[in-house]
Amino acid sequence: MNQLTISDKIGTCFSIKKLVNLIEAQILELDENLELTSEDIFEIVCQESHLNTDFLKQALGCKCPFALIGFINELEFNEFSKYSAIIEDLNTHNQNVRQPAI
């Protein structure tokens, strides 16, 4: 069973909040570059933050980096994990590691 303890959940929530803050700072920094479109910024931020671009584009209905900030700020951990390639990879790894040998 892959259950997180309360301290794991709290630590993960703080990590997600920190990630959200870093994403927001990166978007604002990239937005200062007049040669980048909003879609370019969205793609760059998703790629560098290991976010699932396709799922986020589908959820948002667009590739707007500012909509991304608001969207991920409102997500709960279990919802955020759907959009994070890192968390998705870690969950897959944990499931594979914890399976008993046959």
PDB file of N, CA and C in Angstrom:
ATOM      1  N   MET A   1       0.831  -1.171   0.000  1.00  0.00           N
ATOM      2  CA  MET A   1       0.000   0.000   0.000  1.00  0.00           C
ATOM      3  C   MET A   1       0.885   1.248   0.000  1.00  0.00           C
ATOM      4  N   ASN A   2       0.556   2.171  -0.846  1.00  0.00           N
ATOM      5  CA  ASN A   2       1.381   3.357  -1.034  1.00  0.00           C
ATOM      6  C   ASN A   2       0.707   4.565  -0.385  1.00  0.00           C
ATOM      7  N   GLN A   3       0.706   4.599   0.976  1.00  0.00           N
ATOM      8  CA  GLN A   3       0.072   5.706   1.670  1.00  0.00           C
ATOM      9  C   GLN A   3       1.125   6.634   2.249  1.00  0.00           C
ATOM     10  N   LEU A   4       0.871   7.931   2.125  1.00  0.00           N
ATOM     11  CA  LEU A   4       1.768   8.928   2.686  1.00  0.00           C
ATOM     12  C   LEU A   4       1.396   9.203   4.132  1.00  0.00           C
ATOM     13  N   THR A   5       2.395   9.394   4.979  1.00  0.00           N
ATOM     14  CA  THR A   5       2.129   9.805   6.347  1.00  0.00           C
ATOM     15  C   THR A   5       1.773  11.286   6.336  1.00  0.00           C
ATOM     16  N   ILE A   6       1.281  11.788   7.464  1.00  0.00           N
ATOM     17  CA  ILE A   6       0.925  13.204   7.557  1.00  0.00           C
ATOM     18  C   ILE A   6       2.149  14.075   7.304  1.00  0.00           C
ATOM     19  N   SER A   7       3.298  13.704   7.862  1.00  0.00           N
ATOM     20  CA  SER A   7       4.498  14.513   7.639  1.00  0.00           C
ATOM     21  C   SER A   7       4.926  14.469   6.174  1.00  0.00           C
ATOM     22  N   ASP A   8       4.740  13.321   5.509  1.00  0.00           N
ATOM     23  CA  ASP A   8       5.033  13.237   4.072  1.00  0.00           C
ATOM     24  C   ASP A   8       4.118  14.174   3.290  1.00  0.00           C
ATOM     25  N   LYS A   9       2.839  14.174   3.650  1.00  0.00           N
ATOM     26  CA  LYS A   9       1.873  15.033   2.954  1.00  0.00           C
ATOM     27  C   LYS A   9       2.202  16.503   3.162  1.00  0.00           C
ATOM     28  N   ILE A  10       2.555  16.878   4.393  1.00  0.00           N
ATOM     29  CA  ILE A  10       2.903  18.276   4.688  1.00  0.00           C
ATOM     30  C   ILE A  10       4.156  18.668   3.917  1.00  0.00           C
ATOM     31  N   GLY A  11       5.172  17.819   3.945  1.00  0.00           N
ATOM     32  CA  GLY A  11       6.404  18.095   3.214  1.00  0.00           C
ATOM     33  C   GLY A  11       6.152  18.215   1.726  1.00  0.00           C
ATOM     34  N   THR A  12       5.298  17.356   1.203  1.00  0.00           N
ATOM     35  CA  THR A  12       4.978  17.399  -0.217  1.00  0.00           C
ATOM     36  C   THR A  12       4.218  18.666  -0.556  1.00  0.00           C
ATOM     37  N   CYS A  13       3.286  19.067   0.305  1.00  0.00           N
ATOM     38  CA  CYS A  13       2.524  20.299   0.060  1.00  0.00           C
ATOM     39  C   CYS A  13       3.444  21.507   0.039  1.00  0.00           C
ATOM     40  N   PHE A  14       4.410  21.555   0.966  1.00  0.00           N
ATOM     41  CA  PHE A  14       5.361  22.667   0.973  1.00  0.00           C
ATOM     42  C   PHE A  14       6.229  22.627  -0.281  1.00  0.00           C
ATOM     43  N   SER A  15       6.591  21.436  -0.714  1.00  0.00           N
ATOM     44  CA  SER A  15       7.391  21.299  -1.930  1.00  0.00           C
ATOM     45  C   SER A  15       6.605  21.770  -3.142  1.00  0.00           C
ATOM     46  N   ILE A  16       5.329  21.435  -3.188  1.00  0.00           N
ATOM     47  CA  ILE A  16       4.488  21.859  -4.304  1.00  0.00           C
ATOM     48  C   ILE A  16       4.333  23.374  -4.284  1.00  0.00           C
ATOM     49  N   LYS A  17       4.120  23.950  -3.107  1.00  0.00           N
ATOM     50  CA  LYS A  17       3.997  25.407  -2.998  1.00  0.00           C
ATOM     51  C   LYS A  17       5.281  26.083  -3.457  1.00  0.00           C
ATOM     52  N   LYS A  18       6.416  25.518  -3.078  1.00  0.00           N
ATOM     53  CA  LYS A  18       7.699  26.064  -3.511  1.00  0.00           C
ATOM     54  C   LYS A  18       7.827  25.955  -5.025  1.00  0.00           C
ATOM     55  N   LEU A  19       7.414  24.820  -5.586  1.00  0.00           N
ATOM     56  CA  LEU A  19       7.457  24.637  -7.034  1.00  0.00           C
ATOM     57  C   LEU A  19       6.557  25.651  -7.730  1.00  0.00           C
ATOM     58  N   VAL A  20       5.378  25.868  -7.199  1.00  0.00           N
ATOM     59  CA  VAL A  20       4.447  26.845  -7.776  1.00  0.00           C
ATOM     60  C   VAL A  20       5.079  28.236  -7.761  1.00  0.00           C
ATOM     61  N   ASN A  21       5.726  28.602  -6.657  1.00  0.00           N
ATOM     62  CA  ASN A  21       6.393  29.905  -6.563  1.00  0.00           C
ATOM     63  C   ASN A  21       7.522  30.020  -7.582  1.00  0.00           C
ATOM     64  N   LEU A  22       8.290  28.951  -7.755  1.00  0.00           N
ATOM     65  CA  LEU A  22       9.370  28.956  -8.741  1.00  0.00           C
ATOM     66  C   LEU A  22       8.821  29.076 -10.160  1.00  0.00           C
ATOM     67  N   ILE A  23       7.733  28.374 -10.445  1.00  0.00           N
ATOM     68  CA  ILE A  23       7.105  28.446 -11.770  1.00  0.00           C
ATOM     69  C   ILE A  23       6.618  29.859 -12.035  1.00  0.00           C
ATOM     70  N   GLU A  24       5.975  30.456 -11.046  1.00  0.00           N
ATOM     71  CA  GLU A  24       5.474  31.823 -11.204  1.00  0.00           C
ATOM     72  C   GLU A  24       6.618  32.800 -11.471  1.00  0.00           C
ATOM     73  N   ALA A  25       7.707  32.672 -10.724  1.00  0.00           N
ATOM     74  CA  ALA A  25       8.868  33.546 -10.927  1.00  0.00           C
ATOM     75  C   ALA A  25       9.460  33.345 -12.317  1.00  0.00           C
ATOM     76  N   GLN A  26       9.519  32.104 -12.762  1.00  0.00           N
ATOM     77  CA  GLN A  26      10.064  31.813 -14.088  1.00  0.00           C
ATOM     78  C   GLN A  26       9.174  32.404 -15.183  1.00  0.00           C
ATOM     79  N   ILE A  27       7.875  32.299 -15.020  1.00  0.00           N
ATOM     80  CA  ILE A  27       6.944  32.865 -16.009  1.00  0.00           C
ATOM     81  C   ILE A  27       7.123  34.377 -16.090  1.00  0.00           C
ATOM     82  N   LEU A  28       7.190  35.032 -14.952  1.00  0.00           N
ATOM     83  CA  LEU A  28       7.351  36.489 -14.941  1.00  0.00           C
ATOM     84  C   LEU A  28       8.678  36.900 -15.571  1.00  0.00           C
ATOM     85  N   GLU A  29       9.722  36.127 -15.309  1.00  0.00           N
ATOM     86  CA  GLU A  29      11.025  36.428 -15.902  1.00  0.00           C
ATOM     87  C   GLU A  29      10.994  36.235 -17.419  1.00  0.00           C
ATOM     88  N   LEU A  30      10.409  35.139 -17.865  1.00  0.00           N
ATOM     89  CA  LEU A  30      10.334  34.876 -19.304  1.00  0.00           C
ATOM     90  C   LEU A  30       9.426  35.871 -20.019  1.00  0.00           C
ATOM     91  N   ASP A  31       8.416  36.370 -19.311  1.00  0.00           N
ATOM     92  CA  ASP A  31       7.475  37.311 -19.910  1.00  0.00           C
ATOM     93  C   ASP A  31       8.156  38.630 -20.265  1.00  0.00           C
ATOM     94  N   GLU A  32       9.265  38.925 -19.618  1.00  0.00           N
ATOM     95  CA  GLU A  32      10.006  40.148 -19.922  1.00  0.00           C
ATOM     96  C   GLU A  32      10.708  40.068 -21.276  1.00  0.00           C
ATOM     97  N   ASN A  33      10.898  38.857 -21.792  1.00  0.00           N
ATOM     98  CA  ASN A  33      11.527  38.652 -23.094  1.00  0.00           C
ATOM     99  C   ASN A  33      10.467  38.864 -24.176  1.00  0.00           C
ATOM    100  N   LEU A  34      10.558  39.945 -24.894  1.00  0.00           N
ATOM    101  CA  LEU A  34       9.534  40.307 -25.868  1.00  0.00           C
ATOM    102  C   LEU A  34       9.506  39.387 -27.076  1.00  0.00           C
ATOM    103  N   GLU A  35      10.539  38.553 -27.234  1.00  0.00           N
ATOM    104  CA  GLU A  35      10.569  37.652 -28.382  1.00  0.00           C
ATOM    105  C   GLU A  35       9.793  36.360 -28.139  1.00  0.00           C
ATOM    106  N   LEU A  36       9.434  36.086 -26.898  1.00  0.00           N
ATOM    107  CA  LEU A  36       8.707  34.862 -26.580  1.00  0.00           C
ATOM    108  C   LEU A  36       7.205  35.104 -26.581  1.00  0.00           C
ATOM    109  N   THR A  37       6.478  34.184 -27.182  1.00  0.00           N
ATOM    110  CA  THR A  37       5.011  34.252 -27.130  1.00  0.00           C
ATOM    111  C   THR A  37       4.546  33.599 -25.834  1.00  0.00           C
ATOM    112  N   SER A  38       3.291  33.783 -25.492  1.00  0.00           N
ATOM    113  CA  SER A  38       2.723  33.127 -24.305  1.00  0.00           C
ATOM    114  C   SER A  38       2.821  31.616 -24.432  1.00  0.00           C
ATOM    115  N   GLU A  39       2.577  31.110 -25.641  1.00  0.00           N
ATOM    116  CA  GLU A  39       2.677  29.668 -25.854  1.00  0.00           C
ATOM    117  C   GLU A  39       4.102  29.178 -25.660  1.00  0.00           C
ATOM    118  N   ASP A  40       5.083  29.962 -26.114  1.00  0.00           N
ATOM    119  CA  ASP A  40       6.489  29.608 -25.906  1.00  0.00           C
ATOM    120  C   ASP A  40       6.795  29.520 -24.416  1.00  0.00           C
ATOM    121  N   ILE A  41       6.347  30.506 -23.672  1.00  0.00           N
ATOM    122  CA  ILE A  41       6.591  30.544 -22.226  1.00  0.00           C
ATOM    123  C   ILE A  41       5.946  29.333 -21.551  1.00  0.00           C
ATOM    124  N   PHE A  42       4.713  29.033 -21.926  1.00  0.00           N
ATOM    125  CA  PHE A  42       3.989  27.884 -21.384  1.00  0.00           C
ATOM    126  C   PHE A  42       4.787  26.604 -21.622  1.00  0.00           C
ATOM    127  N   GLU A  43       5.235  26.409 -22.848  1.00  0.00           N
ATOM    128  CA  GLU A  43       5.996  25.210 -23.213  1.00  0.00           C
ATOM    129  C   GLU A  43       7.302  25.120 -22.425  1.00  0.00           C
ATOM    130  N   ILE A  44       8.036  26.227 -22.351  1.00  0.00           N
ATOM    131  CA  ILE A  44       9.316  26.252 -21.644  1.00  0.00           C
ATOM    132  C   ILE A  44       9.127  25.917 -20.170  1.00  0.00           C
ATOM    133  N   VAL A  45       8.162  26.572 -19.548  1.00  0.00           N
ATOM    134  CA  VAL A  45       7.927  26.369 -18.108  1.00  0.00           C
ATOM    135  C   VAL A  45       7.490  24.931 -17.831  1.00  0.00           C
ATOM    136  N   CYS A  46       6.599  24.411 -18.628  1.00  0.00           N
ATOM    137  CA  CYS A  46       6.148  23.025 -18.424  1.00  0.00           C
ATOM    138  C   CYS A  46       7.302  22.046 -18.585  1.00  0.00           C
ATOM    139  N   GLN A  47       8.106  22.257 -19.619  1.00  0.00           N
ATOM    140  CA  GLN A  47       9.224  21.359 -19.867  1.00  0.00           C
ATOM    141  C   GLN A  47      10.246  21.431 -18.737  1.00  0.00           C
ATOM    142  N   GLU A  48      10.639  22.632 -18.350  1.00  0.00           N
ATOM    143  CA  GLU A  48      11.660  22.786 -17.311  1.00  0.00           C
ATOM    144  C   GLU A  48      11.166  22.394 -15.928  1.00  0.00           C
ATOM    145  N   SER A  49       9.859  22.482 -15.700  1.00  0.00           N
ATOM    146  CA  SER A  49       9.289  22.116 -14.398  1.00  0.00           C
ATOM    147  C   SER A  49       8.768  20.686 -14.384  1.00  0.00           C
ATOM    148  N   HIS A  50       8.980  19.975 -15.478  1.00  0.00           N
ATOM    149  CA  HIS A  50       8.548  18.583 -15.606  1.00  0.00           C
ATOM    150  C   HIS A  50       7.042  18.430 -15.407  1.00  0.00           C
ATOM    151  N   LEU A  51       6.306  19.333 -16.036  1.00  0.00           N
ATOM    152  CA  LEU A  51       4.850  19.267 -15.985  1.00  0.00           C
ATOM    153  C   LEU A  51       4.343  18.634 -17.269  1.00  0.00           C
ATOM    154  N   ASN A  52       3.234  17.961 -17.175  1.00  0.00           N
ATOM    155  CA  ASN A  52       2.645  17.305 -18.335  1.00  0.00           C
ATOM    156  C   ASN A  52       1.901  18.351 -19.165  1.00  0.00           C
ATOM    157  N   THR A  53       2.559  18.832 -20.195  1.00  0.00           N
ATOM    158  CA  THR A  53       2.034  19.912 -21.027  1.00  0.00           C
ATOM    159  C   THR A  53       0.687  19.564 -21.641  1.00  0.00           C
ATOM    160  N   ASP A  54       0.549  18.350 -22.135  1.00  0.00           N
ATOM    161  CA  ASP A  54      -0.698  17.957 -22.802  1.00  0.00           C
ATOM    162  C   ASP A  54      -1.885  17.974 -21.848  1.00  0.00           C
ATOM    163  N   PHE A  55      -1.707  17.420 -20.644  1.00  0.00           N
ATOM    164  CA  PHE A  55      -2.795  17.412 -19.660  1.00  0.00           C
ATOM    165  C   PHE A  55      -3.164  18.828 -19.232  1.00  0.00           C
ATOM    166  N   LEU A  56      -2.136  19.661 -19.039  1.00  0.00           N
ATOM    167  CA  LEU A  56      -2.398  21.042 -18.624  1.00  0.00           C
ATOM    168  C   LEU A  56      -3.098  21.831 -19.720  1.00  0.00           C
ATOM    169  N   LYS A  57      -2.663  21.658 -20.955  1.00  0.00           N
ATOM    170  CA  LYS A  57      -3.315  22.350 -22.069  1.00  0.00           C
ATOM    171  C   LYS A  57      -4.781  21.922 -22.164  1.00  0.00           C
ATOM    172  N   GLN A  58      -5.025  20.648 -21.987  1.00  0.00           N
ATOM    173  CA  GLN A  58      -6.395  20.143 -22.036  1.00  0.00           C
ATOM    174  C   GLN A  58      -7.227  20.705 -20.880  1.00  0.00           C
ATOM    175  N   ALA A  59      -6.668  20.739 -19.686  1.00  0.00           N
ATOM    176  CA  ALA A  59      -7.395  21.244 -18.515  1.00  0.00           C
ATOM    177  C   ALA A  59      -7.690  22.739 -18.633  1.00  0.00           C
ATOM    178  N   LEU A  60      -6.707  23.491 -19.164  1.00  0.00           N
ATOM    179  CA  LEU A  60      -6.851  24.950 -19.276  1.00  0.00           C
ATOM    180  C   LEU A  60      -7.605  25.364 -20.534  1.00  0.00           C
ATOM    181  N   GLY A  61      -7.521  24.550 -21.563  1.00  0.00           N
ATOM    182  CA  GLY A  61      -8.125  24.909 -22.840  1.00  0.00           C
ATOM    183  C   GLY A  61      -7.267  25.888 -23.626  1.00  0.00           C
ATOM    184  N   CYS A  62      -6.029  26.114 -23.170  1.00  0.00           N
ATOM    185  CA  CYS A  62      -5.125  27.047 -23.841  1.00  0.00           C
ATOM    186  C   CYS A  62      -3.707  26.811 -23.325  1.00  0.00           C
ATOM    187  N   LYS A  63      -2.775  27.545 -23.878  1.00  0.00           N
ATOM    188  CA  LYS A  63      -1.382  27.490 -23.420  1.00  0.00           C
ATOM    189  C   LYS A  63      -0.992  28.850 -22.849  1.00  0.00           C
ATOM    190  N   CYS A  64      -1.748  29.313 -21.868  1.00  0.00           N
ATOM    191  CA  CYS A  64      -1.481  30.607 -21.243  1.00  0.00           C
ATOM    192  C   CYS A  64      -0.710  30.391 -19.937  1.00  0.00           C
ATOM    193  N   PRO A  65       0.501  30.934 -19.847  1.00  0.00           N
ATOM    194  CA  PRO A  65       1.283  30.733 -18.624  1.00  0.00           C
ATOM    195  C   PRO A  65       0.650  31.370 -17.390  1.00  0.00           C
ATOM    196  N   PHE A  66      -0.099  32.439 -17.572  1.00  0.00           N
ATOM    197  CA  PHE A  66      -0.727  33.105 -16.421  1.00  0.00           C
ATOM    198  C   PHE A  66      -1.936  32.314 -15.927  1.00  0.00           C
ATOM    199  N   ALA A  67      -2.638  31.667 -16.841  1.00  0.00           N
ATOM    200  CA  ALA A  67      -3.721  30.760 -16.443  1.00  0.00           C
ATOM    201  C   ALA A  67      -3.129  29.554 -15.711  1.00  0.00           C
ATOM    202  N   LEU A  68      -1.940  29.136 -16.134  1.00  0.00           N
ATOM    203  CA  LEU A  68      -1.242  28.025 -15.491  1.00  0.00           C
ATOM    204  C   LEU A  68      -0.958  28.340 -14.024  1.00  0.00           C
ATOM    205  N   ILE A  69      -0.502  29.544 -13.751  1.00  0.00           N
ATOM    206  CA  ILE A  69      -0.206  29.946 -12.371  1.00  0.00           C
ATOM    207  C   ILE A  69      -1.462  29.810 -11.505  1.00  0.00           C
ATOM    208  N   GLY A  70      -2.553  30.385 -11.956  1.00  0.00           N
ATOM    209  CA  GLY A  70      -3.793  30.315 -11.177  1.00  0.00           C
ATOM    210  C   GLY A  70      -4.273  28.889 -11.009  1.00  0.00           C
ATOM    211  N   PHE A  71      -4.157  28.109 -12.065  1.00  0.00           N
ATOM    212  CA  PHE A  71      -4.629  26.727 -12.042  1.00  0.00           C
ATOM    213  C   PHE A  71      -3.846  25.889 -11.037  1.00  0.00           C
ATOM    214  N   ILE A  72      -2.520  25.930 -11.109  1.00  0.00           N
ATOM    215  CA  ILE A  72      -1.741  25.077 -10.203  1.00  0.00           C
ATOM    216  C   ILE A  72      -1.769  25.578  -8.763  1.00  0.00           C
ATOM    217  N   ASN A  73      -2.017  26.867  -8.570  1.00  0.00           N
ATOM    218  CA  ASN A  73      -2.173  27.394  -7.210  1.00  0.00           C
ATOM    219  C   ASN A  73      -3.391  26.813  -6.518  1.00  0.00           C
ATOM    220  N   GLU A  74      -4.395  26.430  -7.278  1.00  0.00           N
ATOM    221  CA  GLU A  74      -5.649  25.935  -6.711  1.00  0.00           C
ATOM    222  C   GLU A  74      -5.681  24.418  -6.543  1.00  0.00           C
ATOM    223  N   LEU A  75      -4.672  23.727  -7.066  1.00  0.00           N
ATOM    224  CA  LEU A  75      -4.687  22.265  -7.026  1.00  0.00           C
ATOM    225  C   LEU A  75      -4.321  21.717  -5.657  1.00  0.00           C
ATOM    226  N   GLU A  76      -4.970  20.643  -5.282  1.00  0.00           N
ATOM    227  CA  GLU A  76      -4.588  19.860  -4.108  1.00  0.00           C
ATOM    228  C   GLU A  76      -3.475  18.915  -4.547  1.00  0.00           C
ATOM    229  N   PHE A  77      -2.752  18.327  -3.581  1.00  0.00           N
ATOM    230  CA  PHE A  77      -1.641  17.448  -3.934  1.00  0.00           C
ATOM    231  C   PHE A  77      -2.075  16.331  -4.867  1.00  0.00           C
ATOM    232  N   ASN A  78      -3.170  15.641  -4.533  1.00  0.00           N
ATOM    233  CA  ASN A  78      -3.588  14.507  -5.354  1.00  0.00           C
ATOM    234  C   ASN A  78      -3.974  14.956  -6.762  1.00  0.00           C
ATOM    235  N   GLU A  79      -4.433  16.187  -6.917  1.00  0.00           N
ATOM    236  CA  GLU A  79      -4.736  16.722  -8.241  1.00  0.00           C
ATOM    237  C   GLU A  79      -3.449  17.141  -8.956  1.00  0.00           C
ATOM    238  N   PHE A  80      -2.524  17.746  -8.219  1.00  0.00           N
ATOM    239  CA  PHE A  80      -1.266  18.210  -8.805  1.00  0.00           C
ATOM    240  C   PHE A  80      -0.480  17.053  -9.405  1.00  0.00           C
ATOM    241  N   SER A  81      -0.505  15.917  -8.736  1.00  0.00           N
ATOM    242  CA  SER A  81       0.279  14.776  -9.201  1.00  0.00           C
ATOM    243  C   SER A  81      -0.134  14.324 -10.598  1.00  0.00           C
ATOM    244  N   LYS A  82      -1.368  14.602 -10.987  1.00  0.00           N
ATOM    245  CA  LYS A  82      -1.828  14.245 -12.334  1.00  0.00           C
ATOM    246  C   LYS A  82      -1.089  15.042 -13.410  1.00  0.00           C
ATOM    247  N   TYR A  83      -0.643  16.240 -13.075  1.00  0.00           N
ATOM    248  CA  TYR A  83      -0.022  17.136 -14.044  1.00  0.00           C
ATOM    249  C   TYR A  83       1.500  17.169 -13.952  1.00  0.00           C
ATOM    250  N   SER A  84       2.065  16.476 -12.982  1.00  0.00           N
ATOM    251  CA  SER A  84       3.515  16.506 -12.779  1.00  0.00           C
ATOM    252  C   SER A  84       4.148  15.222 -13.286  1.00  0.00           C
ATOM    253  N   ALA A  85       5.047  15.351 -14.229  1.00  0.00           N
ATOM    254  CA  ALA A  85       5.756  14.185 -14.750  1.00  0.00           C
ATOM    255  C   ALA A  85       6.668  13.586 -13.686  1.00  0.00           C
ATOM    256  N   ILE A  86       7.229  14.411 -12.810  1.00  0.00           N
ATOM    257  CA  ILE A  86       8.128  13.916 -11.764  1.00  0.00           C
ATOM    258  C   ILE A  86       7.364  13.050 -10.769  1.00  0.00           C
ATOM    259  N   ILE A  87       6.243  13.557 -10.267  1.00  0.00           N
ATOM    260  CA  ILE A  87       5.457  12.804  -9.286  1.00  0.00           C
ATOM    261  C   ILE A  87       4.928  11.534  -9.929  1.00  0.00           C
ATOM    262  N   GLU A  88       4.504  11.631 -11.181  1.00  0.00           N
ATOM    263  CA  GLU A  88       4.023  10.466 -11.912  1.00  0.00           C
ATOM    264  C   GLU A  88       5.127   9.414 -12.006  1.00  0.00           C
ATOM    265  N   ASP A  89       6.354   9.833 -12.346  1.00  0.00           N
ATOM    266  CA  ASP A  89       7.492   8.921 -12.441  1.00  0.00           C
ATOM    267  C   ASP A  89       7.841   8.326 -11.078  1.00  0.00           C
ATOM    268  N   LEU A  90       7.795   9.141 -10.009  1.00  0.00           N
ATOM    269  CA  LEU A  90       8.089   8.642  -8.669  1.00  0.00           C
ATOM    270  C   LEU A  90       7.051   7.614  -8.223  1.00  0.00           C
ATOM    271  N   ASN A  91       5.777   7.875  -8.502  1.00  0.00           N
ATOM    272  CA  ASN A  91       4.732   6.926  -8.135  1.00  0.00           C
ATOM    273  C   ASN A  91       4.915   5.611  -8.864  1.00  0.00           C
ATOM    274  N   THR A  92       5.247   5.669 -10.140  1.00  0.00           N
ATOM    275  CA  THR A  92       5.487   4.462 -10.922  1.00  0.00           C
ATOM    276  C   THR A  92       6.684   3.715 -10.356  1.00  0.00           C
ATOM    277  N   HIS A  93       7.757   4.451 -10.031  1.00  0.00           N
ATOM    278  CA  HIS A  93       8.957   3.841  -9.450  1.00  0.00           C
ATOM    279  C   HIS A  93       8.630   3.178  -8.117  1.00  0.00           C
ATOM    280  N   ASN A  94       7.896   3.878  -7.249  1.00  0.00           N
ATOM    281  CA  ASN A  94       7.549   3.335  -5.941  1.00  0.00           C
ATOM    282  C   ASN A  94       6.704   2.068  -6.065  1.00  0.00           C
ATOM    283  N   GLN A  95       5.790   2.050  -7.010  1.00  0.00           N
ATOM    284  CA  GLN A  95       4.959   0.875  -7.218  1.00  0.00           C
ATOM    285  C   GLN A  95       5.806  -0.302  -7.698  1.00  0.00           C
ATOM    286  N   ASN A  96       6.760  -0.017  -8.587  1.00  0.00           N
ATOM    287  CA  ASN A  96       7.615  -1.068  -9.100  1.00  0.00           C
ATOM    288  C   ASN A  96       8.565  -1.604  -8.022  1.00  0.00           C
ATOM    289  N   VAL A  97       9.058  -0.729  -7.177  1.00  0.00           N
ATOM    290  CA  VAL A  97       9.997  -1.137  -6.131  1.00  0.00           C
ATOM    291  C   VAL A  97       9.287  -1.942  -5.059  1.00  0.00           C
ATOM    292  N   ARG A  98       8.066  -1.595  -4.740  1.00  0.00           N
ATOM    293  CA  ARG A  98       7.356  -2.237  -3.632  1.00  0.00           C
ATOM    294  C   ARG A  98       6.650  -3.525  -4.027  1.00  0.00           C
ATOM    295  N   GLN A  99       6.691  -3.887  -5.274  1.00  0.00           N
ATOM    296  CA  GLN A  99       6.050  -5.136  -5.681  1.00  0.00           C
ATOM    297  C   GLN A  99       6.910  -6.315  -5.221  1.00  0.00           C
ATOM    298  N   PRO A 100       6.278  -7.334  -4.669  1.00  0.00           N
ATOM    299  CA  PRO A 100       7.068  -8.473  -4.210  1.00  0.00           C
ATOM    300  C   PRO A 100       7.671  -9.236  -5.390  1.00  0.00           C
ATOM    301  N   ALA A 101       8.837  -9.791  -5.163  1.00  0.00           N
ATOM    302  CA  ALA A 101       9.487 -10.585  -6.207  1.00  0.00           C
ATOM    303  C   ALA A 101       8.744 -11.895  -6.366  1.00  0.00           C
ATOM    304  N   ILE A 102       8.660 -12.347  -7.597  1.00  0.00           N
ATOM    305  CA  ILE A 102       7.937 -13.606  -7.869  1.00  0.00           C
ATOM    306  C   ILE A 102       8.921 -14.742  -7.985  1.00  0.00           C
TER     307      ILE A 102
END
